[in-house]
N, C-alpha and C. Protein backbone atom coordinates (compact mmCIF):
# COMPACT_ATOMS: atom_id res chain seq x y z
N MET A 1 77.09 91.22 78.27
CA MET A 1 76.06 92.29 78.39
C MET A 1 76.41 93.17 79.56
N VAL A 2 76.35 94.49 79.35
CA VAL A 2 76.57 95.45 80.43
C VAL A 2 75.45 95.37 81.45
N ASN A 3 75.82 95.34 82.70
CA ASN A 3 74.83 95.35 83.77
C ASN A 3 74.42 96.78 84.05
N THR A 4 73.28 97.24 83.44
CA THR A 4 72.93 98.65 83.51
C THR A 4 72.57 99.10 84.93
N LYS A 5 72.19 98.19 85.77
CA LYS A 5 71.73 98.56 87.12
C LYS A 5 72.85 99.19 87.94
N THR A 6 74.09 98.99 87.57
CA THR A 6 75.22 99.50 88.35
C THR A 6 75.75 100.83 87.79
N TYR A 7 75.14 101.36 86.75
CA TYR A 7 75.66 102.55 86.10
C TYR A 7 74.82 103.81 86.36
N HIS A 8 75.48 104.89 86.68
CA HIS A 8 74.81 106.18 87.01
C HIS A 8 75.09 107.17 85.86
N ILE A 9 74.06 107.66 85.20
CA ILE A 9 74.22 108.52 84.06
C ILE A 9 73.70 109.93 84.43
N LEU A 10 74.46 110.97 83.93
CA LEU A 10 74.01 112.33 84.13
C LEU A 10 73.57 112.87 82.76
N VAL A 11 72.31 113.34 82.69
CA VAL A 11 71.78 113.91 81.48
C VAL A 11 71.78 115.47 81.61
N ILE A 12 72.53 116.13 80.70
CA ILE A 12 72.63 117.59 80.78
C ILE A 12 72.02 118.19 79.57
N ASP A 13 70.88 118.88 79.74
CA ASP A 13 70.16 119.46 78.61
C ASP A 13 69.24 120.56 79.17
N ASP A 14 69.19 121.67 78.47
CA ASP A 14 68.35 122.81 78.98
C ASP A 14 66.89 122.66 78.56
N ASP A 15 66.60 121.65 77.71
CA ASP A 15 65.20 121.40 77.27
C ASP A 15 64.58 120.52 78.28
N ASP A 16 63.58 120.99 79.02
CA ASP A 16 62.92 120.22 80.08
C ASP A 16 62.27 118.96 79.53
N LYS A 17 61.67 119.03 78.36
CA LYS A 17 60.97 117.92 77.80
C LYS A 17 61.97 116.77 77.45
N ILE A 18 63.03 117.15 76.75
CA ILE A 18 64.01 116.13 76.33
C ILE A 18 64.64 115.51 77.57
N ARG A 19 64.99 116.36 78.50
CA ARG A 19 65.65 115.89 79.75
C ARG A 19 64.76 114.89 80.47
N ASP A 20 63.50 115.19 80.61
CA ASP A 20 62.57 114.31 81.36
C ASP A 20 62.32 113.03 80.57
N LEU A 21 62.17 113.12 79.25
CA LEU A 21 61.97 111.92 78.44
C LEU A 21 63.13 110.96 78.54
N LEU A 22 64.34 111.54 78.41
CA LEU A 22 65.51 110.70 78.52
C LEU A 22 65.65 110.00 79.90
N LYS A 23 65.34 110.80 80.92
CA LYS A 23 65.41 110.24 82.28
C LYS A 23 64.44 109.07 82.43
N GLN A 24 63.20 109.25 81.95
CA GLN A 24 62.22 108.20 82.09
C GLN A 24 62.64 106.96 81.25
N TYR A 25 63.15 107.20 80.03
CA TYR A 25 63.47 106.07 79.17
C TYR A 25 64.69 105.27 79.71
N LEU A 26 65.70 106.01 80.19
CA LEU A 26 66.88 105.30 80.72
C LEU A 26 66.58 104.59 82.05
N LYS A 27 65.67 105.18 82.82
CA LYS A 27 65.28 104.52 84.08
C LYS A 27 64.55 103.23 83.81
N LYS A 28 63.71 103.22 82.75
CA LYS A 28 63.00 102.00 82.32
C LYS A 28 63.96 100.91 81.89
N ASN A 29 65.14 101.36 81.43
CA ASN A 29 66.15 100.43 81.00
C ASN A 29 67.19 100.17 82.09
N ASN A 30 66.79 100.45 83.31
CA ASN A 30 67.53 100.04 84.52
C ASN A 30 68.79 100.83 84.80
N TYR A 31 68.91 102.04 84.25
CA TYR A 31 70.03 102.93 84.59
C TYR A 31 69.60 103.83 85.74
N LEU A 32 70.56 104.22 86.58
CA LEU A 32 70.32 105.25 87.58
C LEU A 32 70.60 106.54 86.89
N VAL A 33 69.65 107.52 86.97
CA VAL A 33 69.75 108.74 86.17
C VAL A 33 69.61 110.00 87.02
N SER A 34 70.51 110.96 86.83
CA SER A 34 70.39 112.32 87.36
C SER A 34 70.34 113.29 86.21
N THR A 35 69.83 114.43 86.43
CA THR A 35 69.73 115.47 85.38
C THR A 35 70.29 116.80 85.82
N SER A 36 70.68 117.57 84.83
CA SER A 36 71.08 118.97 85.03
C SER A 36 70.55 119.81 83.91
N HIS A 37 70.12 121.06 84.23
CA HIS A 37 69.53 121.94 83.20
C HIS A 37 70.58 122.86 82.60
N ASP A 38 71.79 122.95 83.17
CA ASP A 38 72.82 123.75 82.57
C ASP A 38 74.20 123.32 83.09
N ALA A 39 75.25 123.94 82.56
CA ALA A 39 76.61 123.52 82.91
C ALA A 39 76.97 123.71 84.35
N ALA A 40 76.51 124.86 84.92
CA ALA A 40 76.83 125.14 86.33
C ALA A 40 76.25 124.05 87.28
N ASP A 41 75.00 123.67 87.00
CA ASP A 41 74.36 122.64 87.79
C ASP A 41 75.08 121.32 87.62
N ALA A 42 75.48 121.02 86.39
CA ALA A 42 76.18 119.76 86.13
C ALA A 42 77.50 119.70 86.83
N GLU A 43 78.25 120.77 86.79
CA GLU A 43 79.56 120.81 87.43
C GLU A 43 79.46 120.63 88.95
N GLU A 44 78.39 121.15 89.57
CA GLU A 44 78.17 121.00 90.96
C GLU A 44 77.88 119.50 91.28
N LYS A 45 77.04 118.87 90.50
CA LYS A 45 76.73 117.48 90.70
C LYS A 45 77.95 116.58 90.48
N ILE A 46 78.72 116.88 89.45
CA ILE A 46 79.91 116.05 89.14
C ILE A 46 80.91 116.16 90.27
N SER A 47 81.00 117.31 90.93
CA SER A 47 81.94 117.48 92.04
C SER A 47 81.52 116.68 93.29
N LEU A 48 80.26 116.29 93.34
CA LEU A 48 79.73 115.58 94.50
C LEU A 48 79.51 114.09 94.28
N VAL A 49 79.22 113.73 93.01
CA VAL A 49 78.81 112.35 92.72
C VAL A 49 79.71 111.76 91.64
N LYS A 50 80.05 110.51 91.77
CA LYS A 50 80.84 109.80 90.73
C LYS A 50 79.87 109.19 89.69
N PHE A 51 79.83 109.78 88.51
CA PHE A 51 78.95 109.30 87.44
C PHE A 51 79.83 108.34 86.55
N ASP A 52 79.09 107.47 85.84
CA ASP A 52 79.74 106.54 84.93
C ASP A 52 79.73 107.07 83.49
N LEU A 53 78.85 108.01 83.16
CA LEU A 53 78.70 108.55 81.84
C LEU A 53 77.84 109.78 81.87
N ALA A 54 78.15 110.75 81.00
CA ALA A 54 77.33 111.94 80.88
C ALA A 54 76.80 112.11 79.44
N ILE A 55 75.58 112.53 79.29
CA ILE A 55 74.96 112.84 78.02
C ILE A 55 74.83 114.34 78.04
N VAL A 56 75.53 115.03 77.07
CA VAL A 56 75.63 116.48 77.09
C VAL A 56 75.09 117.08 75.81
N ASP A 57 74.11 117.99 75.96
CA ASP A 57 73.59 118.72 74.79
C ASP A 57 74.57 119.91 74.50
N ILE A 58 74.92 120.03 73.25
CA ILE A 58 75.84 121.13 72.89
C ILE A 58 75.22 122.49 73.01
N MET A 59 74.00 122.69 72.52
CA MET A 59 73.38 124.00 72.46
C MET A 59 72.68 124.30 73.79
N MET A 60 73.40 124.92 74.71
CA MET A 60 72.84 125.32 75.97
C MET A 60 73.19 126.79 76.24
N PRO A 61 72.33 127.56 76.88
CA PRO A 61 72.64 128.92 77.21
C PRO A 61 73.74 129.01 78.22
N GLY A 62 74.50 130.12 78.20
CA GLY A 62 75.67 130.24 79.08
C GLY A 62 76.79 129.40 78.54
N LYS A 63 77.40 128.61 79.41
CA LYS A 63 78.49 127.72 78.93
C LYS A 63 77.89 126.59 78.14
N ASP A 64 78.31 126.45 76.88
CA ASP A 64 77.75 125.42 76.05
C ASP A 64 78.35 124.02 76.30
N GLY A 65 77.76 123.03 75.65
CA GLY A 65 78.20 121.65 75.89
C GLY A 65 79.61 121.34 75.52
N LEU A 66 80.13 122.05 74.44
CA LEU A 66 81.53 121.83 74.03
C LEU A 66 82.49 122.31 75.12
N GLN A 67 82.29 123.48 75.62
CA GLN A 67 83.15 123.99 76.68
C GLN A 67 83.04 123.16 77.90
N LEU A 68 81.86 122.75 78.25
CA LEU A 68 81.66 121.91 79.45
C LEU A 68 82.41 120.55 79.25
N THR A 69 82.30 120.00 78.05
CA THR A 69 83.01 118.73 77.75
C THR A 69 84.50 118.89 77.95
N LYS A 70 85.05 119.97 77.36
CA LYS A 70 86.47 120.22 77.51
C LYS A 70 86.92 120.33 78.93
N GLU A 71 86.15 121.07 79.74
CA GLU A 71 86.53 121.25 81.17
C GLU A 71 86.41 120.00 81.94
N ILE A 72 85.36 119.20 81.66
CA ILE A 72 85.19 117.92 82.37
C ILE A 72 86.36 117.00 82.09
N ARG A 73 86.71 116.88 80.80
CA ARG A 73 87.71 115.90 80.40
C ARG A 73 89.12 116.33 80.85
N GLU A 74 89.32 117.64 81.15
CA GLU A 74 90.64 118.09 81.64
C GLU A 74 90.78 117.70 83.13
N LYS A 75 89.65 117.40 83.80
CA LYS A 75 89.72 117.10 85.21
C LYS A 75 89.51 115.67 85.55
N ILE A 76 88.56 114.95 84.90
CA ILE A 76 88.26 113.59 85.23
C ILE A 76 88.04 112.73 83.94
N ASP A 77 87.94 111.44 84.11
CA ASP A 77 87.87 110.52 83.00
C ASP A 77 86.41 110.16 82.66
N LEU A 78 85.48 111.03 82.87
CA LEU A 78 84.07 110.74 82.65
C LEU A 78 83.73 110.60 81.13
N PRO A 79 83.28 109.45 80.72
CA PRO A 79 82.87 109.29 79.31
C PRO A 79 81.70 110.20 78.97
N ILE A 80 81.74 110.82 77.75
CA ILE A 80 80.72 111.78 77.40
C ILE A 80 80.11 111.45 76.01
N ILE A 81 78.78 111.49 75.89
CA ILE A 81 78.13 111.37 74.59
C ILE A 81 77.42 112.72 74.36
N LEU A 82 77.74 113.37 73.23
CA LEU A 82 77.20 114.65 72.89
C LEU A 82 75.92 114.54 72.07
N LEU A 83 74.97 115.45 72.36
CA LEU A 83 73.78 115.56 71.53
C LEU A 83 73.94 116.81 70.71
N THR A 84 73.96 116.65 69.36
CA THR A 84 74.26 117.75 68.47
C THR A 84 73.11 118.07 67.55
N ALA A 85 73.11 119.32 67.05
CA ALA A 85 72.11 119.69 66.03
C ALA A 85 72.46 119.00 64.73
N LYS A 86 71.49 118.59 63.96
CA LYS A 86 71.73 117.87 62.72
C LYS A 86 72.52 118.73 61.76
N GLY A 87 73.58 118.22 61.19
CA GLY A 87 74.37 118.91 60.21
C GLY A 87 75.47 119.77 60.79
N GLU A 88 75.56 119.84 62.10
CA GLU A 88 76.68 120.67 62.70
C GLU A 88 77.96 119.87 62.80
N THR A 89 78.57 119.67 61.65
CA THR A 89 79.79 118.83 61.56
C THR A 89 80.93 119.33 62.34
N GLU A 90 81.17 120.68 62.34
CA GLU A 90 82.29 121.25 63.04
C GLU A 90 82.15 121.06 64.54
N ASP A 91 80.94 121.19 65.02
CA ASP A 91 80.69 120.97 66.49
C ASP A 91 81.01 119.57 66.87
N ARG A 92 80.65 118.61 65.99
CA ARG A 92 80.88 117.21 66.32
C ARG A 92 82.37 116.94 66.32
N ILE A 93 83.10 117.47 65.35
CA ILE A 93 84.56 117.27 65.33
C ILE A 93 85.19 117.90 66.52
N LYS A 94 84.82 119.14 66.86
CA LYS A 94 85.38 119.82 68.00
C LYS A 94 85.07 119.06 69.29
N GLY A 95 83.89 118.47 69.41
CA GLY A 95 83.52 117.66 70.55
C GLY A 95 84.47 116.46 70.70
N LEU A 96 84.78 115.81 69.63
CA LEU A 96 85.66 114.68 69.66
C LEU A 96 87.10 115.11 70.04
N GLU A 97 87.49 116.28 69.53
CA GLU A 97 88.81 116.84 69.84
C GLU A 97 88.91 117.15 71.35
N TYR A 98 87.77 117.56 71.93
CA TYR A 98 87.76 117.90 73.36
C TYR A 98 87.65 116.65 74.24
N GLY A 99 87.46 115.45 73.63
CA GLY A 99 87.47 114.23 74.40
C GLY A 99 86.17 113.51 74.55
N ALA A 100 85.12 113.94 73.81
CA ALA A 100 83.88 113.21 73.87
C ALA A 100 84.06 111.80 73.21
N GLU A 101 83.31 110.79 73.74
CA GLU A 101 83.40 109.47 73.20
C GLU A 101 82.61 109.29 71.92
N ASP A 102 81.46 109.94 71.87
CA ASP A 102 80.55 109.72 70.77
C ASP A 102 79.60 110.93 70.66
N TYR A 103 78.82 110.97 69.59
CA TYR A 103 77.85 112.02 69.43
C TYR A 103 76.62 111.46 68.74
N LEU A 104 75.51 112.12 68.94
CA LEU A 104 74.28 111.68 68.30
C LEU A 104 73.48 112.91 67.86
N PRO A 105 73.21 113.04 66.54
CA PRO A 105 72.47 114.22 66.04
C PRO A 105 71.00 114.16 66.44
N LYS A 106 70.45 115.31 66.75
CA LYS A 106 69.02 115.42 66.97
C LYS A 106 68.31 115.63 65.66
N PRO A 107 67.07 115.13 65.50
CA PRO A 107 66.39 114.23 66.43
C PRO A 107 66.92 112.80 66.31
N PHE A 108 66.76 112.03 67.34
CA PHE A 108 67.30 110.66 67.35
C PHE A 108 66.30 109.68 67.97
N GLU A 109 66.49 108.42 67.69
CA GLU A 109 65.67 107.37 68.31
C GLU A 109 66.28 107.03 69.66
N PRO A 110 65.50 107.01 70.72
CA PRO A 110 66.02 106.66 72.03
C PRO A 110 66.79 105.34 72.06
N LYS A 111 66.33 104.40 71.21
CA LYS A 111 66.99 103.11 71.18
C LYS A 111 68.41 103.21 70.67
N GLU A 112 68.66 104.13 69.72
CA GLU A 112 70.00 104.32 69.23
C GLU A 112 70.90 104.89 70.31
N LEU A 113 70.39 105.84 71.09
CA LEU A 113 71.17 106.38 72.19
C LEU A 113 71.48 105.27 73.22
N LEU A 114 70.50 104.40 73.45
CA LEU A 114 70.71 103.31 74.38
C LEU A 114 71.84 102.40 73.90
N LEU A 115 71.89 102.14 72.61
CA LEU A 115 72.95 101.28 72.05
C LEU A 115 74.34 101.96 72.18
N ARG A 116 74.35 103.23 71.93
CA ARG A 116 75.62 103.96 72.07
C ARG A 116 76.13 104.00 73.48
N ILE A 117 75.19 104.16 74.45
CA ILE A 117 75.56 104.15 75.87
C ILE A 117 76.13 102.76 76.17
N HIS A 118 75.43 101.74 75.69
CA HIS A 118 75.87 100.37 75.98
C HIS A 118 77.28 100.11 75.42
N ASN A 119 77.54 100.56 74.22
CA ASN A 119 78.85 100.35 73.60
C ASN A 119 79.97 101.09 74.32
N VAL A 120 79.73 102.32 74.76
CA VAL A 120 80.73 103.08 75.49
C VAL A 120 81.02 102.39 76.83
N LEU A 121 80.00 102.02 77.58
CA LEU A 121 80.22 101.36 78.85
C LEU A 121 80.87 100.03 78.73
N LYS A 122 80.54 99.32 77.65
CA LYS A 122 81.21 97.99 77.37
C LYS A 122 82.69 98.17 77.17
N ARG A 123 83.10 99.25 76.44
CA ARG A 123 84.52 99.47 76.19
C ARG A 123 85.21 99.81 77.50
N VAL A 124 84.54 100.62 78.35
CA VAL A 124 85.13 101.00 79.63
C VAL A 124 85.36 99.77 80.49
N LYS A 125 84.37 98.86 80.54
CA LYS A 125 84.48 97.66 81.33
C LYS A 125 85.61 96.78 80.84
N LYS A 126 85.71 96.66 79.51
CA LYS A 126 86.73 95.79 78.90
C LYS A 126 88.13 96.29 79.19
N GLU A 127 88.29 97.60 79.28
CA GLU A 127 89.62 98.19 79.40
C GLU A 127 90.14 98.20 80.85
N LYS A 128 89.26 97.91 81.84
CA LYS A 128 89.67 98.06 83.26
C LYS A 128 90.81 97.12 83.60
N ASN A 129 90.85 95.92 83.01
CA ASN A 129 91.86 94.95 83.32
C ASN A 129 93.03 94.93 82.37
N PHE A 130 93.13 95.92 81.51
CA PHE A 130 94.20 95.98 80.53
C PHE A 130 95.47 96.47 81.19
N LYS A 131 96.58 96.03 80.67
CA LYS A 131 97.91 96.46 81.18
C LYS A 131 97.98 97.97 81.35
N ASP A 132 98.55 98.38 82.52
CA ASP A 132 98.49 99.81 82.83
C ASP A 132 99.46 100.69 82.02
N ALA A 133 100.75 100.39 82.01
CA ALA A 133 101.70 101.26 81.35
C ALA A 133 102.44 100.59 80.22
N ILE A 134 102.56 101.22 79.09
CA ILE A 134 103.28 100.68 77.93
C ILE A 134 104.29 101.73 77.51
N LYS A 135 105.51 101.33 77.16
CA LYS A 135 106.51 102.29 76.73
C LYS A 135 106.65 102.21 75.18
N ILE A 136 106.53 103.33 74.54
CA ILE A 136 106.74 103.40 73.09
C ILE A 136 107.76 104.53 72.88
N GLY A 137 109.00 104.09 72.56
CA GLY A 137 110.08 105.08 72.48
C GLY A 137 110.31 105.65 73.84
N LYS A 138 110.25 107.00 73.94
CA LYS A 138 110.37 107.72 75.21
C LYS A 138 109.03 108.07 75.83
N THR A 139 107.96 107.52 75.20
CA THR A 139 106.60 107.84 75.66
C THR A 139 106.07 106.74 76.56
N LEU A 140 105.43 107.10 77.66
CA LEU A 140 104.78 106.16 78.53
C LEU A 140 103.27 106.31 78.41
N ILE A 141 102.58 105.21 78.16
CA ILE A 141 101.10 105.24 78.05
C ILE A 141 100.53 104.57 79.26
N HIS A 142 99.81 105.30 80.06
CA HIS A 142 99.14 104.75 81.24
C HIS A 142 97.67 104.61 80.95
N LEU A 143 97.25 103.41 80.58
CA LEU A 143 95.83 103.23 80.21
C LEU A 143 94.88 103.40 81.35
N LYS A 144 95.20 102.89 82.55
CA LYS A 144 94.31 102.98 83.65
C LYS A 144 94.18 104.46 84.14
N LYS A 145 95.27 105.19 84.09
CA LYS A 145 95.26 106.62 84.51
C LYS A 145 94.76 107.52 83.37
N MET A 146 94.56 106.93 82.20
CA MET A 146 94.12 107.72 81.04
C MET A 146 95.10 108.85 80.73
N GLU A 147 96.39 108.51 80.75
CA GLU A 147 97.41 109.54 80.62
C GLU A 147 98.54 109.10 79.71
N ILE A 148 99.08 110.02 78.94
CA ILE A 148 100.30 109.74 78.12
C ILE A 148 101.38 110.75 78.53
N GLN A 149 102.55 110.23 78.88
CA GLN A 149 103.68 111.07 79.30
C GLN A 149 104.69 111.11 78.20
N ASN A 150 104.97 112.28 77.72
CA ASN A 150 105.91 112.45 76.59
C ASN A 150 106.65 113.76 76.70
N ASP A 151 107.98 113.70 76.69
CA ASP A 151 108.80 114.86 76.75
C ASP A 151 108.49 115.72 77.97
N ARG A 152 108.38 115.06 79.12
CA ARG A 152 108.12 115.71 80.39
C ARG A 152 106.74 116.35 80.49
N LYS A 153 105.89 116.06 79.56
CA LYS A 153 104.55 116.54 79.57
C LYS A 153 103.55 115.39 79.78
N ALA A 154 102.44 115.69 80.43
CA ALA A 154 101.41 114.69 80.66
C ALA A 154 100.15 115.11 79.91
N TYR A 155 99.65 114.19 79.09
CA TYR A 155 98.44 114.48 78.31
C TYR A 155 97.30 113.55 78.73
N LYS A 156 96.12 114.02 78.91
CA LYS A 156 94.96 113.24 79.17
C LYS A 156 94.51 112.56 77.86
N MET A 157 94.00 111.35 77.93
CA MET A 157 93.45 110.75 76.77
C MET A 157 91.97 110.46 76.96
N SER A 158 91.19 110.50 75.88
CA SER A 158 89.78 110.22 75.91
C SER A 158 89.62 108.69 75.86
N MET A 159 88.38 108.22 76.17
CA MET A 159 88.06 106.81 76.13
C MET A 159 88.19 106.29 74.68
N THR A 160 87.89 107.16 73.72
CA THR A 160 88.05 106.72 72.33
C THR A 160 89.51 106.48 71.98
N GLU A 161 90.39 107.41 72.41
CA GLU A 161 91.82 107.26 72.23
C GLU A 161 92.32 105.97 72.90
N ARG A 162 91.83 105.80 74.10
CA ARG A 162 92.29 104.60 74.89
C ARG A 162 91.84 103.30 74.24
N SER A 163 90.61 103.30 73.77
CA SER A 163 90.13 102.09 73.12
C SER A 163 90.93 101.74 71.89
N LEU A 164 91.26 102.73 71.07
CA LEU A 164 92.06 102.46 69.85
C LEU A 164 93.48 102.06 70.25
N LEU A 165 94.06 102.77 71.21
CA LEU A 165 95.41 102.44 71.64
C LEU A 165 95.48 100.98 72.15
N GLU A 166 94.50 100.56 72.92
CA GLU A 166 94.47 99.20 73.43
C GLU A 166 94.57 98.19 72.33
N ASN A 167 93.84 98.42 71.28
CA ASN A 167 93.86 97.47 70.13
C ASN A 167 95.16 97.59 69.35
N LEU A 168 95.64 98.82 69.15
CA LEU A 168 96.90 98.99 68.40
C LEU A 168 98.05 98.34 69.18
N ILE A 169 98.11 98.55 70.47
CA ILE A 169 99.18 98.00 71.28
C ILE A 169 99.13 96.49 71.34
N SER A 170 97.98 95.94 71.56
CA SER A 170 97.82 94.46 71.66
C SER A 170 98.08 93.77 70.32
N SER A 171 98.01 94.51 69.22
CA SER A 171 98.29 93.95 67.91
C SER A 171 99.32 94.82 67.18
N ALA A 172 100.41 95.16 67.91
CA ALA A 172 101.44 95.99 67.33
C ALA A 172 102.00 95.35 66.07
N GLY A 173 102.19 96.15 65.00
CA GLY A 173 102.70 95.64 63.75
C GLY A 173 101.58 95.23 62.77
N LYS A 174 100.35 95.20 63.29
CA LYS A 174 99.23 94.87 62.41
C LYS A 174 98.65 96.14 61.80
N ILE A 175 98.32 96.05 60.53
CA ILE A 175 97.68 97.21 59.83
C ILE A 175 96.19 97.24 60.12
N PHE A 176 95.71 98.32 60.66
CA PHE A 176 94.26 98.47 60.95
C PHE A 176 93.62 99.32 59.86
N THR A 177 92.67 98.77 59.19
CA THR A 177 91.99 99.53 58.14
C THR A 177 91.04 100.57 58.79
N ARG A 178 90.56 101.51 58.01
CA ARG A 178 89.66 102.49 58.49
C ARG A 178 88.35 101.86 59.04
N ASP A 179 87.89 100.83 58.33
CA ASP A 179 86.70 100.12 58.72
C ASP A 179 86.89 99.49 60.13
N GLU A 180 88.06 98.92 60.35
CA GLU A 180 88.36 98.28 61.66
C GLU A 180 88.40 99.36 62.75
N ILE A 181 89.01 100.48 62.43
CA ILE A 181 89.10 101.57 63.42
C ILE A 181 87.72 102.13 63.71
N SER A 182 86.89 102.17 62.67
CA SER A 182 85.52 102.65 62.86
C SER A 182 84.77 101.74 63.83
N LYS A 183 84.94 100.41 63.67
CA LYS A 183 84.24 99.46 64.55
C LYS A 183 84.79 99.57 65.98
N ILE A 184 86.06 99.80 66.14
CA ILE A 184 86.65 99.88 67.48
C ILE A 184 86.17 101.14 68.22
N THR A 185 86.15 102.24 67.47
CA THR A 185 85.89 103.54 68.12
C THR A 185 84.45 104.02 68.04
N GLY A 186 83.69 103.44 67.10
CA GLY A 186 82.35 103.97 66.86
C GLY A 186 82.30 105.16 66.00
N LEU A 187 83.45 105.62 65.48
CA LEU A 187 83.50 106.81 64.59
C LEU A 187 83.21 106.35 63.16
N THR A 188 82.28 107.02 62.54
CA THR A 188 81.88 106.61 61.16
C THR A 188 82.40 107.55 60.07
N LYS A 189 82.79 108.76 60.45
CA LYS A 189 83.25 109.72 59.46
C LYS A 189 84.77 109.62 59.30
N GLU A 190 85.26 109.72 58.06
CA GLU A 190 86.69 109.67 57.83
C GLU A 190 87.39 110.80 58.52
N ARG A 191 86.80 112.00 58.51
CA ARG A 191 87.36 113.17 59.14
C ARG A 191 87.55 112.96 60.64
N SER A 192 86.60 112.29 61.27
CA SER A 192 86.69 112.04 62.73
C SER A 192 87.83 111.12 63.03
N ILE A 193 88.03 110.07 62.16
CA ILE A 193 89.13 109.14 62.36
C ILE A 193 90.50 109.89 62.14
N ASP A 194 90.52 110.74 61.14
CA ASP A 194 91.75 111.56 60.91
C ASP A 194 92.12 112.41 62.14
N VAL A 195 91.06 113.03 62.71
CA VAL A 195 91.27 113.86 63.92
C VAL A 195 91.82 113.00 65.05
N LEU A 196 91.28 111.80 65.23
CA LEU A 196 91.69 110.88 66.30
C LEU A 196 93.18 110.51 66.11
N ILE A 197 93.55 110.15 64.89
CA ILE A 197 94.94 109.71 64.62
C ILE A 197 95.88 110.90 64.86
N THR A 198 95.49 112.07 64.36
CA THR A 198 96.35 113.29 64.57
C THR A 198 96.52 113.59 66.06
N ARG A 199 95.42 113.45 66.82
CA ARG A 199 95.48 113.75 68.24
C ARG A 199 96.45 112.79 68.98
N LEU A 200 96.38 111.52 68.60
CA LEU A 200 97.27 110.53 69.21
C LEU A 200 98.73 110.78 68.81
N ARG A 201 98.97 111.12 67.57
CA ARG A 201 100.36 111.47 67.20
C ARG A 201 100.93 112.64 67.95
N GLN A 202 100.10 113.59 68.21
CA GLN A 202 100.57 114.81 68.93
C GLN A 202 101.02 114.40 70.36
N LYS A 203 100.44 113.32 70.88
CA LYS A 203 100.75 112.90 72.26
C LYS A 203 101.84 111.84 72.32
N ILE A 204 102.07 111.14 71.20
CA ILE A 204 103.02 110.03 71.20
C ILE A 204 104.28 110.32 70.44
N GLU A 205 104.19 110.95 69.31
CA GLU A 205 105.32 111.12 68.40
C GLU A 205 106.26 112.26 68.80
N PRO A 206 107.56 112.08 68.72
CA PRO A 206 108.50 113.23 68.97
C PRO A 206 108.44 114.20 67.75
N ASP A 207 108.10 113.75 66.57
CA ASP A 207 107.94 114.59 65.41
C ASP A 207 106.69 114.18 64.67
N THR A 208 105.63 114.96 64.85
CA THR A 208 104.33 114.57 64.23
C THR A 208 104.35 114.61 62.75
N LYS A 209 105.25 115.39 62.13
CA LYS A 209 105.32 115.48 60.68
C LYS A 209 105.98 114.25 60.08
N ASN A 210 106.78 113.60 60.88
CA ASN A 210 107.45 112.35 60.46
C ASN A 210 107.22 111.25 61.49
N PRO A 211 106.02 110.75 61.59
CA PRO A 211 105.69 109.77 62.65
C PRO A 211 106.57 108.49 62.55
N LYS A 212 107.07 108.12 63.70
CA LYS A 212 107.91 106.93 63.78
C LYS A 212 107.16 105.68 64.26
N TYR A 213 106.14 105.90 65.10
CA TYR A 213 105.45 104.79 65.71
C TYR A 213 104.08 104.55 65.15
N LEU A 214 103.24 105.60 65.12
CA LEU A 214 101.87 105.45 64.57
C LEU A 214 101.93 105.92 63.15
N GLN A 215 102.09 104.95 62.20
CA GLN A 215 102.34 105.28 60.80
C GLN A 215 101.15 104.99 59.93
N THR A 216 101.08 105.76 58.84
CA THR A 216 100.07 105.55 57.80
C THR A 216 100.65 104.57 56.76
N VAL A 217 99.87 103.57 56.44
CA VAL A 217 100.24 102.65 55.36
C VAL A 217 99.34 103.00 54.15
N ARG A 218 99.87 103.68 53.21
CA ARG A 218 99.13 104.22 52.11
C ARG A 218 98.24 103.16 51.43
N GLY A 219 96.92 103.52 51.34
CA GLY A 219 95.96 102.64 50.71
C GLY A 219 95.54 101.46 51.54
N ALA A 220 96.07 101.37 52.79
CA ALA A 220 95.73 100.22 53.64
C ALA A 220 95.12 100.63 55.01
N GLY A 221 95.82 101.55 55.67
CA GLY A 221 95.32 101.97 57.00
C GLY A 221 96.43 102.49 57.89
N TYR A 222 96.44 102.08 59.14
CA TYR A 222 97.41 102.56 60.12
C TYR A 222 97.99 101.43 60.89
N VAL A 223 99.29 101.58 61.33
CA VAL A 223 99.98 100.59 62.10
C VAL A 223 100.77 101.21 63.20
N LEU A 224 100.87 100.52 64.33
CA LEU A 224 101.65 101.01 65.46
C LEU A 224 102.86 100.08 65.62
N TRP A 225 104.03 100.74 65.63
CA TRP A 225 105.28 100.02 65.81
C TRP A 225 105.81 100.37 67.26
N ILE A 226 106.17 99.33 68.00
CA ILE A 226 106.72 99.51 69.35
C ILE A 226 108.17 99.04 69.34
N ASP A 227 109.05 99.88 69.87
CA ASP A 227 110.48 99.54 69.97
C ASP A 227 110.66 98.33 70.85
């Protein structure tokens, strides 16, 4: 069980009512909670305080939640859960591409958000003691640094990418079905899983059109081969 008393969450939403309700609910569940009403305020707080997770509403005036997510993940390894409008599939996919760990469509049950927070933090805790660097071909994967080095380039990885890579690496040669990947990452949509696999190949493979390491097994799933 995750010890919620040690985790500090930043809630970023321009809706005063939602922001206050989430703060009260999370505090009742023993999280330390700070809030921001827009991206500028959030960026200032993030520069001063080390947060364990951020909850970001996509629809905000000025800089929206998607752009904020992208900019945060380019700088630090802060896990992010997005709050999205119901039915906005493209926004959810873009959010995952920008490095968000999970998303939750509005309206939602606070208990569901609590479970998603718990799952993300549990993955983070589990990964802290995992082996730091793994070599796949000419690619170096630094799990602790959340970085992939390939062809003299350094790519940041999201917690979702890291979680899947941890499982793929520890069970190299095993075929992972879509259902297994869904359980590992929390992604339920096939499109979201496809985006995740494509993103990893772009960072690992020398030729993404002919993947050598992260391969598709037709009708079965995906497998990682390590030289």
